[in-house]
Amino acid sequence: MLNSLPNPLNLGVWLGQRFALISEWTDDASGRLQTSLAGNILKSLGESEVGFHGTFSWPVFANVKVAGRDSALLVDVLRRFFEPVGARQVLWLGSQGDSGSAWLDDTLGQPPRLRFNRSLAALAGDPSLKRELWRVLKLLAPS
């Protein structure tokens, strides 16, 4: 698993009552836009309240000589960051969604219920990707 960890790793996490959405986070798109889209996705699944858990960036320092850049430490820190996800069903939006995401399953303690191979920022700029995601989400939405 340690070899499959992406580097760098930038994530945003949003929590509802039943679902958690984890997406690659980018500073190229506004935080407000990414948060709004994440909230809309979770609300489409019946979540009435959505909270922004926060962002996670690794490595913290770009300097390779700074201590604390090893994968074992990353796994430990990431597991702690994901603790509030608990037993919620996870929606993963990001480029590691189809392959190389064993690190995500291991750090969460469960595989995501949904893996979509695009981030919130990519969705925001492409209506066809949004339609594709909505089609997939319909299968998870309460009837």
N, C-alpha and C. Protein backbone atom coordinates (compact mmCIF):
# COMPACT_ATOMS: atom_id res chain seq x y z
N MET A 1 0.81 -1.19 0.00
CA MET A 1 0.00 0.00 0.00
C MET A 1 0.86 1.25 0.00
N LEU A 2 1.94 1.27 0.76
CA LEU A 2 2.75 2.47 0.87
C LEU A 2 3.28 2.94 -0.47
N ASN A 3 3.56 2.02 -1.37
CA ASN A 3 4.08 2.41 -2.68
C ASN A 3 3.01 3.05 -3.55
N SER A 4 1.72 2.81 -3.24
CA SER A 4 0.67 3.34 -4.10
C SER A 4 0.16 4.70 -3.65
N LEU A 5 0.73 5.26 -2.58
CA LEU A 5 0.27 6.56 -2.11
C LEU A 5 0.64 7.65 -3.09
N PRO A 6 -0.34 8.48 -3.46
CA PRO A 6 -0.01 9.59 -4.36
C PRO A 6 0.83 10.63 -3.64
N ASN A 7 1.68 11.29 -4.39
CA ASN A 7 2.52 12.33 -3.82
C ASN A 7 2.68 13.43 -4.85
N PRO A 8 2.21 14.61 -4.64
CA PRO A 8 1.56 15.10 -3.44
C PRO A 8 0.10 14.63 -3.35
N LEU A 9 -0.48 14.78 -2.18
CA LEU A 9 -1.86 14.39 -1.91
C LEU A 9 -2.60 15.60 -1.36
N ASN A 10 -3.66 16.01 -2.05
CA ASN A 10 -4.47 17.15 -1.62
C ASN A 10 -5.94 16.74 -1.68
N LEU A 11 -6.59 16.73 -0.52
CA LEU A 11 -7.96 16.24 -0.42
C LEU A 11 -8.86 17.24 0.28
N GLY A 12 -10.14 17.19 -0.04
CA GLY A 12 -11.19 17.89 0.69
C GLY A 12 -12.19 16.84 1.15
N VAL A 13 -12.75 17.01 2.36
CA VAL A 13 -13.69 16.04 2.91
C VAL A 13 -14.93 16.77 3.43
N TRP A 14 -16.11 16.25 3.03
CA TRP A 14 -17.40 16.76 3.45
C TRP A 14 -18.19 15.61 4.06
N LEU A 15 -18.94 15.90 5.12
CA LEU A 15 -19.67 14.86 5.84
C LEU A 15 -21.15 15.17 5.92
N GLY A 16 -21.95 14.16 5.60
CA GLY A 16 -23.39 14.20 5.86
C GLY A 16 -23.68 13.17 6.94
N GLN A 17 -24.93 12.84 7.14
CA GLN A 17 -25.28 11.84 8.14
C GLN A 17 -24.93 10.43 7.67
N ARG A 18 -25.21 10.11 6.40
CA ARG A 18 -24.99 8.76 5.88
C ARG A 18 -23.80 8.67 4.93
N PHE A 19 -23.46 9.77 4.30
CA PHE A 19 -22.40 9.76 3.29
C PHE A 19 -21.28 10.72 3.65
N ALA A 20 -20.07 10.38 3.18
CA ALA A 20 -18.92 11.28 3.23
C ALA A 20 -18.41 11.41 1.80
N LEU A 21 -18.08 12.61 1.40
CA LEU A 21 -17.52 12.84 0.07
C LEU A 21 -16.07 13.25 0.25
N ILE A 22 -15.18 12.53 -0.43
CA ILE A 22 -13.75 12.84 -0.42
C ILE A 22 -13.36 13.12 -1.86
N SER A 23 -12.75 14.25 -2.08
CA SER A 23 -12.34 14.62 -3.44
C SER A 23 -10.93 15.17 -3.43
N GLU A 24 -10.27 15.02 -4.56
CA GLU A 24 -9.02 15.75 -4.73
C GLU A 24 -9.36 17.22 -4.61
N TRP A 25 -8.50 17.95 -3.93
CA TRP A 25 -8.68 19.38 -3.69
C TRP A 25 -7.65 20.13 -4.51
N THR A 26 -8.07 21.23 -5.12
CA THR A 26 -7.13 22.05 -5.86
C THR A 26 -7.31 23.51 -5.52
N ASP A 27 -6.23 24.21 -5.47
CA ASP A 27 -6.29 25.66 -5.27
C ASP A 27 -6.56 26.38 -6.58
N ASP A 28 -6.59 25.63 -7.70
CA ASP A 28 -6.88 26.24 -9.00
C ASP A 28 -8.35 26.62 -9.13
N ALA A 29 -9.22 25.95 -8.36
CA ALA A 29 -10.65 26.29 -8.31
C ALA A 29 -10.93 26.83 -6.92
N SER A 30 -11.92 27.69 -6.82
CA SER A 30 -12.19 28.28 -5.50
C SER A 30 -12.71 27.24 -4.52
N GLY A 31 -12.36 27.43 -3.28
CA GLY A 31 -12.85 26.56 -2.22
C GLY A 31 -14.35 26.61 -2.12
N ARG A 32 -14.91 27.79 -2.31
CA ARG A 32 -16.37 27.95 -2.25
C ARG A 32 -17.05 27.14 -3.34
N LEU A 33 -16.50 27.14 -4.54
CA LEU A 33 -17.07 26.37 -5.64
C LEU A 33 -17.03 24.87 -5.34
N GLN A 34 -15.88 24.39 -4.86
CA GLN A 34 -15.74 22.97 -4.56
C GLN A 34 -16.68 22.56 -3.42
N THR A 35 -16.81 23.41 -2.40
CA THR A 35 -17.68 23.12 -1.28
C THR A 35 -19.15 23.14 -1.70
N SER A 36 -19.51 24.08 -2.54
CA SER A 36 -20.89 24.16 -3.02
C SER A 36 -21.27 22.92 -3.82
N LEU A 37 -20.39 22.50 -4.70
CA LEU A 37 -20.66 21.32 -5.52
C LEU A 37 -20.73 20.06 -4.65
N ALA A 38 -19.82 19.94 -3.68
CA ALA A 38 -19.84 18.79 -2.76
C ALA A 38 -21.16 18.76 -1.99
N GLY A 39 -21.60 19.91 -1.51
CA GLY A 39 -22.87 19.98 -0.79
C GLY A 39 -24.04 19.58 -1.66
N ASN A 40 -24.05 20.03 -2.91
CA ASN A 40 -25.13 19.67 -3.83
C ASN A 40 -25.15 18.18 -4.12
N ILE A 41 -23.98 17.58 -4.25
CA ILE A 41 -23.89 16.14 -4.49
C ILE A 41 -24.47 15.38 -3.30
N LEU A 42 -24.05 15.74 -2.10
CA LEU A 42 -24.54 15.04 -0.92
C LEU A 42 -26.04 15.29 -0.70
N LYS A 43 -26.50 16.49 -0.97
CA LYS A 43 -27.93 16.79 -0.83
C LYS A 43 -28.76 16.00 -1.85
N SER A 44 -28.20 15.72 -3.02
CA SER A 44 -28.91 14.92 -4.01
C SER A 44 -29.11 13.48 -3.52
N LEU A 45 -28.34 13.09 -2.53
CA LEU A 45 -28.46 11.76 -1.93
C LEU A 45 -29.31 11.78 -0.66
N GLY A 46 -29.99 12.88 -0.42
CA GLY A 46 -30.89 12.97 0.71
C GLY A 46 -30.30 13.54 1.98
N GLU A 47 -29.06 14.00 1.91
CA GLU A 47 -28.42 14.60 3.09
C GLU A 47 -29.00 16.01 3.29
N SER A 48 -29.54 16.27 4.48
CA SER A 48 -30.10 17.59 4.73
C SER A 48 -29.06 18.56 5.29
N GLU A 49 -28.08 18.02 6.01
CA GLU A 49 -27.01 18.85 6.55
C GLU A 49 -25.67 18.31 6.10
N VAL A 50 -24.85 19.18 5.57
CA VAL A 50 -23.52 18.80 5.09
C VAL A 50 -22.50 19.70 5.77
N GLY A 51 -21.47 19.08 6.32
CA GLY A 51 -20.41 19.85 6.96
C GLY A 51 -19.09 19.64 6.23
N PHE A 52 -18.30 20.70 6.20
CA PHE A 52 -16.97 20.63 5.60
C PHE A 52 -15.99 20.20 6.69
N HIS A 53 -15.45 18.98 6.56
CA HIS A 53 -14.51 18.47 7.56
C HIS A 53 -13.16 19.17 7.43
N GLY A 54 -12.72 19.44 6.21
CA GLY A 54 -11.47 20.15 6.02
C GLY A 54 -10.68 19.66 4.83
N THR A 55 -9.49 20.24 4.67
CA THR A 55 -8.59 19.82 3.60
C THR A 55 -7.38 19.12 4.22
N PHE A 56 -6.77 18.30 3.42
CA PHE A 56 -5.59 17.55 3.83
C PHE A 56 -4.56 17.67 2.72
N SER A 57 -3.36 18.12 3.05
CA SER A 57 -2.29 18.25 2.06
C SER A 57 -1.03 17.57 2.56
N TRP A 58 -0.39 16.83 1.66
CA TRP A 58 0.84 16.10 1.99
C TRP A 58 1.76 16.11 0.79
N PRO A 59 3.01 16.33 0.91
CA PRO A 59 3.69 16.61 2.18
C PRO A 59 3.41 18.04 2.63
N VAL A 60 3.60 18.23 3.90
CA VAL A 60 3.38 19.55 4.48
C VAL A 60 4.45 20.51 3.99
N PHE A 61 5.68 20.01 3.90
CA PHE A 61 6.80 20.83 3.44
C PHE A 61 7.34 20.27 2.13
N ALA A 62 7.66 21.13 1.19
CA ALA A 62 8.18 20.69 -0.10
C ALA A 62 9.65 20.27 -0.02
N ASN A 63 10.35 20.74 0.98
CA ASN A 63 11.78 20.45 1.13
C ASN A 63 11.97 18.97 1.49
N VAL A 64 12.65 18.21 0.63
CA VAL A 64 12.85 16.78 0.85
C VAL A 64 13.74 16.49 2.05
N LYS A 65 14.48 17.49 2.54
CA LYS A 65 15.36 17.28 3.69
C LYS A 65 14.63 17.43 5.02
N VAL A 66 13.40 17.90 4.99
CA VAL A 66 12.62 18.07 6.22
C VAL A 66 12.08 16.73 6.66
N ALA A 67 12.20 16.44 7.94
CA ALA A 67 11.70 15.16 8.47
C ALA A 67 10.18 15.11 8.39
N GLY A 68 9.64 13.89 8.38
CA GLY A 68 8.20 13.72 8.42
C GLY A 68 7.55 13.58 7.06
N ARG A 69 8.30 13.14 6.08
CA ARG A 69 7.75 12.99 4.74
C ARG A 69 7.52 11.52 4.37
N ASP A 70 7.77 10.60 5.29
CA ASP A 70 7.71 9.19 4.93
C ASP A 70 6.27 8.69 4.86
N SER A 71 6.05 7.63 4.08
CA SER A 71 4.73 7.09 3.82
C SER A 71 4.06 6.53 5.06
N ALA A 72 4.83 5.91 5.96
CA ALA A 72 4.23 5.35 7.18
C ALA A 72 3.60 6.45 8.02
N LEU A 73 4.26 7.58 8.13
CA LEU A 73 3.71 8.70 8.87
C LEU A 73 2.46 9.23 8.17
N LEU A 74 2.50 9.31 6.86
CA LEU A 74 1.34 9.76 6.09
C LEU A 74 0.13 8.88 6.37
N VAL A 75 0.31 7.57 6.35
CA VAL A 75 -0.81 6.65 6.60
C VAL A 75 -1.39 6.89 7.98
N ASP A 76 -0.55 7.05 8.98
CA ASP A 76 -1.02 7.29 10.34
C ASP A 76 -1.79 8.60 10.44
N VAL A 77 -1.27 9.66 9.87
CA VAL A 77 -1.93 10.97 9.92
C VAL A 77 -3.24 10.93 9.14
N LEU A 78 -3.23 10.29 8.00
CA LEU A 78 -4.44 10.20 7.17
C LEU A 78 -5.54 9.40 7.86
N ARG A 79 -5.18 8.32 8.53
CA ARG A 79 -6.18 7.54 9.28
C ARG A 79 -6.84 8.40 10.36
N ARG A 80 -6.04 9.19 11.03
CA ARG A 80 -6.60 10.09 12.06
C ARG A 80 -7.50 11.15 11.43
N PHE A 81 -7.08 11.68 10.30
CA PHE A 81 -7.89 12.70 9.61
C PHE A 81 -9.24 12.11 9.17
N PHE A 82 -9.24 10.85 8.75
CA PHE A 82 -10.46 10.20 8.27
C PHE A 82 -11.35 9.66 9.40
N GLU A 83 -10.91 9.70 10.66
CA GLU A 83 -11.71 9.13 11.75
C GLU A 83 -13.15 9.62 11.77
N PRO A 84 -13.44 10.91 11.56
CA PRO A 84 -14.84 11.36 11.59
C PRO A 84 -15.71 10.75 10.48
N VAL A 85 -15.09 10.19 9.44
CA VAL A 85 -15.87 9.54 8.38
C VAL A 85 -16.63 8.35 8.97
N GLY A 86 -15.99 7.65 9.91
CA GLY A 86 -16.65 6.54 10.60
C GLY A 86 -17.23 5.51 9.64
N ALA A 87 -18.49 5.15 9.87
CA ALA A 87 -19.17 4.12 9.07
C ALA A 87 -19.95 4.71 7.90
N ARG A 88 -19.78 5.99 7.64
CA ARG A 88 -20.49 6.60 6.51
C ARG A 88 -20.06 5.94 5.20
N GLN A 89 -20.96 5.93 4.23
CA GLN A 89 -20.63 5.45 2.90
C GLN A 89 -19.81 6.54 2.21
N VAL A 90 -18.70 6.15 1.61
CA VAL A 90 -17.76 7.12 1.05
C VAL A 90 -17.95 7.24 -0.46
N LEU A 91 -17.99 8.49 -0.91
CA LEU A 91 -17.97 8.82 -2.33
C LEU A 91 -16.59 9.40 -2.62
N TRP A 92 -15.85 8.79 -3.53
CA TRP A 92 -14.50 9.25 -3.87
C TRP A 92 -14.53 9.89 -5.24
N LEU A 93 -14.08 11.13 -5.34
CA LEU A 93 -13.96 11.84 -6.60
C LEU A 93 -12.51 12.23 -6.78
N GLY A 94 -11.84 11.60 -7.74
CA GLY A 94 -10.45 11.93 -7.97
C GLY A 94 -9.76 10.98 -8.92
N SER A 95 -8.61 11.37 -9.38
CA SER A 95 -7.91 10.62 -10.42
C SER A 95 -7.39 9.27 -9.96
N GLN A 96 -7.26 9.05 -8.65
CA GLN A 96 -6.85 7.73 -8.19
C GLN A 96 -8.05 6.81 -8.01
N GLY A 97 -9.19 7.21 -8.51
CA GLY A 97 -10.42 6.47 -8.28
C GLY A 97 -10.48 5.10 -8.90
N ASP A 98 -9.87 4.90 -10.05
CA ASP A 98 -9.98 3.61 -10.73
C ASP A 98 -8.80 2.69 -10.47
N SER A 99 -7.64 3.27 -10.29
CA SER A 99 -6.46 2.42 -10.05
C SER A 99 -5.55 3.11 -9.06
N GLY A 100 -4.80 2.32 -8.37
CA GLY A 100 -3.86 2.89 -7.42
C GLY A 100 -4.51 3.49 -6.20
N SER A 101 -5.72 3.03 -5.85
CA SER A 101 -6.40 3.62 -4.70
C SER A 101 -6.48 2.67 -3.51
N ALA A 102 -5.65 1.65 -3.48
CA ALA A 102 -5.63 0.74 -2.33
C ALA A 102 -5.32 1.52 -1.05
N TRP A 103 -4.52 2.56 -1.15
CA TRP A 103 -4.20 3.40 0.00
C TRP A 103 -5.46 3.98 0.61
N LEU A 104 -6.43 4.35 -0.23
CA LEU A 104 -7.67 4.95 0.27
C LEU A 104 -8.49 3.91 1.03
N ASP A 105 -8.66 2.73 0.46
CA ASP A 105 -9.39 1.65 1.13
C ASP A 105 -8.75 1.33 2.48
N ASP A 106 -7.43 1.24 2.50
CA ASP A 106 -6.71 0.88 3.73
C ASP A 106 -6.82 1.96 4.80
N THR A 107 -6.69 3.21 4.40
CA THR A 107 -6.73 4.28 5.41
C THR A 107 -8.15 4.52 5.90
N LEU A 108 -9.15 4.27 5.06
CA LEU A 108 -10.54 4.42 5.49
C LEU A 108 -11.04 3.21 6.28
N GLY A 109 -10.44 2.05 5.99
CA GLY A 109 -10.92 0.82 6.60
C GLY A 109 -12.09 0.22 5.85
N GLN A 110 -12.41 0.77 4.69
CA GLN A 110 -13.51 0.29 3.85
C GLN A 110 -13.31 0.82 2.44
N PRO A 111 -13.80 0.12 1.44
CA PRO A 111 -13.72 0.67 0.08
C PRO A 111 -14.81 1.72 -0.11
N PRO A 112 -14.56 2.74 -0.91
CA PRO A 112 -15.61 3.71 -1.19
C PRO A 112 -16.81 3.06 -1.88
N ARG A 113 -17.98 3.55 -1.58
CA ARG A 113 -19.22 3.06 -2.22
C ARG A 113 -19.24 3.49 -3.68
N LEU A 114 -18.67 4.65 -3.96
CA LEU A 114 -18.62 5.19 -5.32
C LEU A 114 -17.21 5.69 -5.59
N ARG A 115 -16.69 5.34 -6.75
CA ARG A 115 -15.42 5.89 -7.23
C ARG A 115 -15.71 6.58 -8.57
N PHE A 116 -15.44 7.86 -8.61
CA PHE A 116 -15.63 8.63 -9.83
C PHE A 116 -14.30 9.26 -10.17
N ASN A 117 -13.85 9.05 -11.39
CA ASN A 117 -12.47 9.37 -11.76
C ASN A 117 -12.22 10.84 -12.08
N ARG A 118 -13.01 11.74 -11.51
CA ARG A 118 -12.80 13.19 -11.70
C ARG A 118 -13.02 13.91 -10.39
N SER A 119 -12.32 14.99 -10.19
CA SER A 119 -12.43 15.78 -8.96
C SER A 119 -13.60 16.76 -9.07
N LEU A 120 -13.91 17.40 -7.94
CA LEU A 120 -14.94 18.44 -7.94
C LEU A 120 -14.58 19.58 -8.89
N ALA A 121 -13.32 19.96 -8.89
CA ALA A 121 -12.88 21.06 -9.76
C ALA A 121 -13.10 20.69 -11.23
N ALA A 122 -12.81 19.45 -11.61
CA ALA A 122 -13.03 19.02 -12.99
C ALA A 122 -14.52 19.01 -13.32
N LEU A 123 -15.34 18.56 -12.38
CA LEU A 123 -16.79 18.55 -12.58
C LEU A 123 -17.34 19.96 -12.79
N ALA A 124 -16.83 20.89 -12.01
CA ALA A 124 -17.33 22.26 -12.05
C ALA A 124 -17.19 22.88 -13.43
N GLY A 125 -16.19 22.48 -14.16
CA GLY A 125 -15.94 23.08 -15.47
C GLY A 125 -16.44 22.28 -16.65
N ASP A 126 -17.14 21.17 -16.41
CA ASP A 126 -17.54 20.31 -17.51
C ASP A 126 -18.94 19.74 -17.28
N PRO A 127 -19.97 20.33 -17.91
CA PRO A 127 -21.34 19.86 -17.72
C PRO A 127 -21.56 18.39 -18.09
N SER A 128 -20.82 17.88 -19.05
CA SER A 128 -21.01 16.47 -19.42
C SER A 128 -20.53 15.54 -18.30
N LEU A 129 -19.47 15.93 -17.59
CA LEU A 129 -19.02 15.14 -16.45
C LEU A 129 -20.04 15.18 -15.31
N LYS A 130 -20.66 16.34 -15.11
CA LYS A 130 -21.70 16.44 -14.09
C LYS A 130 -22.84 15.50 -14.41
N ARG A 131 -23.28 15.47 -15.67
CA ARG A 131 -24.38 14.58 -16.07
C ARG A 131 -24.00 13.12 -15.84
N GLU A 132 -22.76 12.78 -16.16
CA GLU A 132 -22.29 11.41 -15.95
C GLU A 132 -22.33 11.04 -14.47
N LEU A 133 -21.88 11.95 -13.60
CA LEU A 133 -21.92 11.69 -12.17
C LEU A 133 -23.35 11.58 -11.67
N TRP A 134 -24.24 12.47 -12.13
CA TRP A 134 -25.63 12.42 -11.67
C TRP A 134 -26.28 11.08 -12.02
N ARG A 135 -25.95 10.56 -13.20
CA ARG A 135 -26.50 9.24 -13.59
C ARG A 135 -26.06 8.16 -12.60
N VAL A 136 -24.82 8.21 -12.21
CA VAL A 136 -24.30 7.22 -11.25
C VAL A 136 -24.91 7.44 -9.87
N LEU A 137 -25.07 8.69 -9.47
CA LEU A 137 -25.63 9.00 -8.15
C LEU A 137 -27.08 8.55 -8.00
N LYS A 138 -27.82 8.55 -9.10
CA LYS A 138 -29.23 8.11 -9.04
C LYS A 138 -29.35 6.71 -8.46
N LEU A 139 -28.35 5.87 -8.69
CA LEU A 139 -28.38 4.51 -8.17
C LEU A 139 -28.24 4.48 -6.64
N LEU A 140 -27.63 5.52 -6.07
CA LEU A 140 -27.42 5.59 -4.62
C LEU A 140 -28.49 6.39 -3.90
N ALA A 141 -29.22 7.23 -4.66
CA ALA A 141 -30.18 8.14 -4.04
C ALA A 141 -31.38 7.38 -3.49
N PRO A 142 -31.93 7.87 -2.36
CA PRO A 142 -33.11 7.21 -1.81
C PRO A 142 -34.30 7.39 -2.75
N SER A 143 -35.14 6.38 -2.81
CA SER A 143 -36.30 6.42 -3.72
C SER A 143 -37.42 7.24 -3.15
